[in-house]
Amino acid sequence: MAGLQKILIILLVLFLVLLALIFSLNNQMAVSLNFLLFETAPHGVAIWIILSFVVGALTGVLLTMLATVRTSVSRRQLKKQLNKAEQALEKSRNTTDRTT
């Protein structure tokens, strides 16, 4: 089952690369982008679109990783607090059992 999944992922990636190649071949008009005082060298429209997609995807992955790290740190802190509370409860139960 894992082998079939790997083959399907490889086929999907190859299909996406093929689509990007076809897209870039059909959109070769050179344009330059202006950012306030900065102007880029002229490149094909497809290059700019693919580049913006890649930058957006990497930004999304980075933000997701940061959220995951934050969640795992919070989880670790909550586990420590839970362990302390459980130990305090157990200690309280032990002292209560001894007194009765």
C-alpha atoms as a PDB file:
ATOM      1  CA  MET A   1       0.000   0.000   0.000  1.00  0.00           C
ATOM      2  CA  ALA A   2       2.854   2.402   0.835  1.00  0.00           C
ATOM      3  CA  GLY A   3       4.506   1.628  -2.498  1.00  0.00           C
ATOM      4  CA  LEU A   4       1.327   2.550  -4.388  1.00  0.00           C
ATOM      5  CA  GLN A   5       1.080   5.796  -2.432  1.00  0.00           C
ATOM      6  CA  LYS A   6       4.691   6.712  -3.315  1.00  0.00           C
ATOM      7  CA  ILE A   7       4.036   5.984  -7.000  1.00  0.00           C
ATOM      8  CA  LEU A   8       0.906   8.157  -6.955  1.00  0.00           C
ATOM      9  CA  ILE A   9       2.784  11.022  -5.298  1.00  0.00           C
ATOM     10  CA  ILE A  10       5.603  10.776  -7.844  1.00  0.00           C
ATOM     11  CA  LEU A  11       3.085  10.788 -10.692  1.00  0.00           C
ATOM     12  CA  LEU A  12       1.308  13.807  -9.200  1.00  0.00           C
ATOM     13  CA  VAL A  13       4.592  15.717  -8.848  1.00  0.00           C
ATOM     14  CA  LEU A  14       5.585  14.862 -12.428  1.00  0.00           C
ATOM     15  CA  PHE A  15       2.167  16.003 -13.641  1.00  0.00           C
ATOM     16  CA  LEU A  16       2.514  19.317 -11.786  1.00  0.00           C
ATOM     17  CA  VAL A  17       6.010  19.838 -13.215  1.00  0.00           C
ATOM     18  CA  LEU A  18       4.643  19.148 -16.694  1.00  0.00           C
ATOM     19  CA  LEU A  19       1.836  21.667 -16.145  1.00  0.00           C
ATOM     20  CA  ALA A  20       4.340  24.292 -14.946  1.00  0.00           C
ATOM     21  CA  LEU A  21       6.518  23.644 -17.991  1.00  0.00           C
ATOM     22  CA  ILE A  22       3.581  24.000 -20.396  1.00  0.00           C
ATOM     23  CA  PHE A  23       2.437  27.136 -18.571  1.00  0.00           C
ATOM     24  CA  SER A  24       5.889  28.704 -18.776  1.00  0.00           C
ATOM     25  CA  LEU A  25       6.232  27.885 -22.470  1.00  0.00           C
ATOM     26  CA  ASN A  26       2.900  29.554 -23.219  1.00  0.00           C
ATOM     27  CA  ASN A  27       3.659  32.700 -21.172  1.00  0.00           C
ATOM     28  CA  GLN A  28       7.068  33.894 -22.277  1.00  0.00           C
ATOM     29  CA  MET A  29       6.360  37.613 -22.627  1.00  0.00           C
ATOM     30  CA  ALA A  30       9.027  39.466 -20.619  1.00  0.00           C
ATOM     31  CA  VAL A  31       7.832  41.899 -17.987  1.00  0.00           C
ATOM     32  CA  SER A  32       9.586  43.786 -15.216  1.00  0.00           C
ATOM     33  CA  LEU A  33       8.024  44.392 -11.840  1.00  0.00           C
ATOM     34  CA  ASN A  34       8.111  47.747 -10.028  1.00  0.00           C
ATOM     35  CA  PHE A  35       8.218  47.883  -6.226  1.00  0.00           C
ATOM     36  CA  LEU A  36       8.150  51.556  -5.226  1.00  0.00           C
ATOM     37  CA  LEU A  37      11.799  52.481  -5.896  1.00  0.00           C
ATOM     38  CA  PHE A  38      12.974  49.048  -7.029  1.00  0.00           C
ATOM     39  CA  GLU A  39      12.524  47.615 -10.536  1.00  0.00           C
ATOM     40  CA  THR A  40      13.341  44.039 -11.448  1.00  0.00           C
ATOM     41  CA  ALA A  41      14.953  42.792 -14.612  1.00  0.00           C
ATOM     42  CA  PRO A  42      12.482  41.617 -17.239  1.00  0.00           C
ATOM     43  CA  HIS A  43      11.563  37.939 -17.001  1.00  0.00           C
ATOM     44  CA  GLY A  44       8.735  35.851 -18.378  1.00  0.00           C
ATOM     45  CA  VAL A  45       5.281  36.152 -16.836  1.00  0.00           C
ATOM     46  CA  ALA A  46       5.306  32.465 -15.970  1.00  0.00           C
ATOM     47  CA  ILE A  47       8.535  32.869 -14.008  1.00  0.00           C
ATOM     48  CA  TRP A  48       6.984  35.591 -11.844  1.00  0.00           C
ATOM     49  CA  ILE A  49       3.801  33.594 -11.261  1.00  0.00           C
ATOM     50  CA  ILE A  50       5.647  30.366 -10.432  1.00  0.00           C
ATOM     51  CA  LEU A  51       8.076  32.291  -8.197  1.00  0.00           C
ATOM     52  CA  SER A  52       5.216  33.932  -6.311  1.00  0.00           C
ATOM     53  CA  PHE A  53       3.536  30.543  -5.880  1.00  0.00           C
ATOM     54  CA  VAL A  54       6.740  29.021  -4.488  1.00  0.00           C
ATOM     55  CA  VAL A  55       7.324  31.962  -2.128  1.00  0.00           C
ATOM     56  CA  GLY A  56       3.718  31.731  -0.921  1.00  0.00           C
ATOM     57  CA  ALA A  57       3.983  27.977  -0.373  1.00  0.00           C
ATOM     58  CA  LEU A  58       7.252  28.358   1.556  1.00  0.00           C
ATOM     59  CA  THR A  59       5.723  31.130   3.664  1.00  0.00           C
ATOM     60  CA  GLY A  60       2.756  28.890   4.442  1.00  0.00           C
ATOM     61  CA  VAL A  61       5.031  26.015   5.433  1.00  0.00           C
ATOM     62  CA  LEU A  62       7.118  28.314   7.642  1.00  0.00           C
ATOM     63  CA  LEU A  63       4.051  29.721   9.412  1.00  0.00           C
ATOM     64  CA  THR A  64       2.669  26.223   9.910  1.00  0.00           C
ATOM     65  CA  MET A  65       5.980  25.068  11.386  1.00  0.00           C
ATOM     66  CA  LEU A  66       6.021  28.036  13.773  1.00  0.00           C
ATOM     67  CA  ALA A  67       2.474  27.266  14.895  1.00  0.00           C
ATOM     68  CA  THR A  68       3.393  23.607  15.379  1.00  0.00           C
ATOM     69  CA  VAL A  69       6.428  24.511  17.483  1.00  0.00           C
ATOM     70  CA  ARG A  70       4.358  26.902  19.577  1.00  0.00           C
ATOM     71  CA  THR A  71       1.729  24.209  20.121  1.00  0.00           C
ATOM     72  CA  SER A  72       4.293  21.588  21.104  1.00  0.00           C
ATOM     73  CA  VAL A  73       5.956  23.967  23.590  1.00  0.00           C
ATOM     74  CA  SER A  74       2.573  24.781  25.112  1.00  0.00           C
ATOM     75  CA  ARG A  75       1.713  21.081  25.260  1.00  0.00           C
ATOM     76  CA  ARG A  76       4.984  20.294  27.010  1.00  0.00           C
ATOM     77  CA  GLN A  77       4.362  23.038  29.594  1.00  0.00           C
ATOM     78  CA  LEU A  78       0.815  21.804  30.204  1.00  0.00           C
ATOM     79  CA  LYS A  79       2.083  18.234  30.675  1.00  0.00           C
ATOM     80  CA  LYS A  80       4.544  19.467  33.314  1.00  0.00           C
ATOM     81  CA  GLN A  81       1.763  21.339  35.103  1.00  0.00           C
ATOM     82  CA  LEU A  82      -0.470  18.272  34.963  1.00  0.00           C
ATOM     83  CA  ASN A  83       2.270  16.067  36.405  1.00  0.00           C
ATOM     84  CA  LYS A  84       2.841  18.536  39.252  1.00  0.00           C
ATOM     85  CA  ALA A  85      -0.892  18.696  39.959  1.00  0.00           C
ATOM     86  CA  GLU A  86      -1.170  14.902  39.914  1.00  0.00           C
ATOM     87  CA  GLN A  87       1.776  14.589  42.298  1.00  0.00           C
ATOM     88  CA  ALA A  88       0.248  17.169  44.629  1.00  0.00           C
ATOM     89  CA  LEU A  89      -3.086  15.331  44.515  1.00  0.00           C
ATOM     90  CA  GLU A  90      -1.414  12.009  45.231  1.00  0.00           C
ATOM     91  CA  LYS A  91       0.532  13.560  48.118  1.00  0.00           C
ATOM     92  CA  SER A  92      -2.693  15.054  49.479  1.00  0.00           C
ATOM     93  CA  ARG A  93      -4.453  11.709  49.219  1.00  0.00           C
ATOM     94  CA  ASN A  94      -1.591   9.995  51.027  1.00  0.00           C
ATOM     95  CA  THR A  95      -1.646  12.478  53.887  1.00  0.00           C
ATOM     96  CA  THR A  96      -5.450  12.218  54.101  1.00  0.00           C
ATOM     97  CA  ASP A  97      -5.290   8.403  54.203  1.00  0.00           C
ATOM     98  CA  ARG A  98      -2.726   8.501  57.012  1.00  0.00           C
ATOM     99  CA  THR A  99      -4.828  10.818  59.161  1.00  0.00           C
ATOM    100  CA  THR A 100      -7.989   8.688  58.954  1.00  0.00           C
END
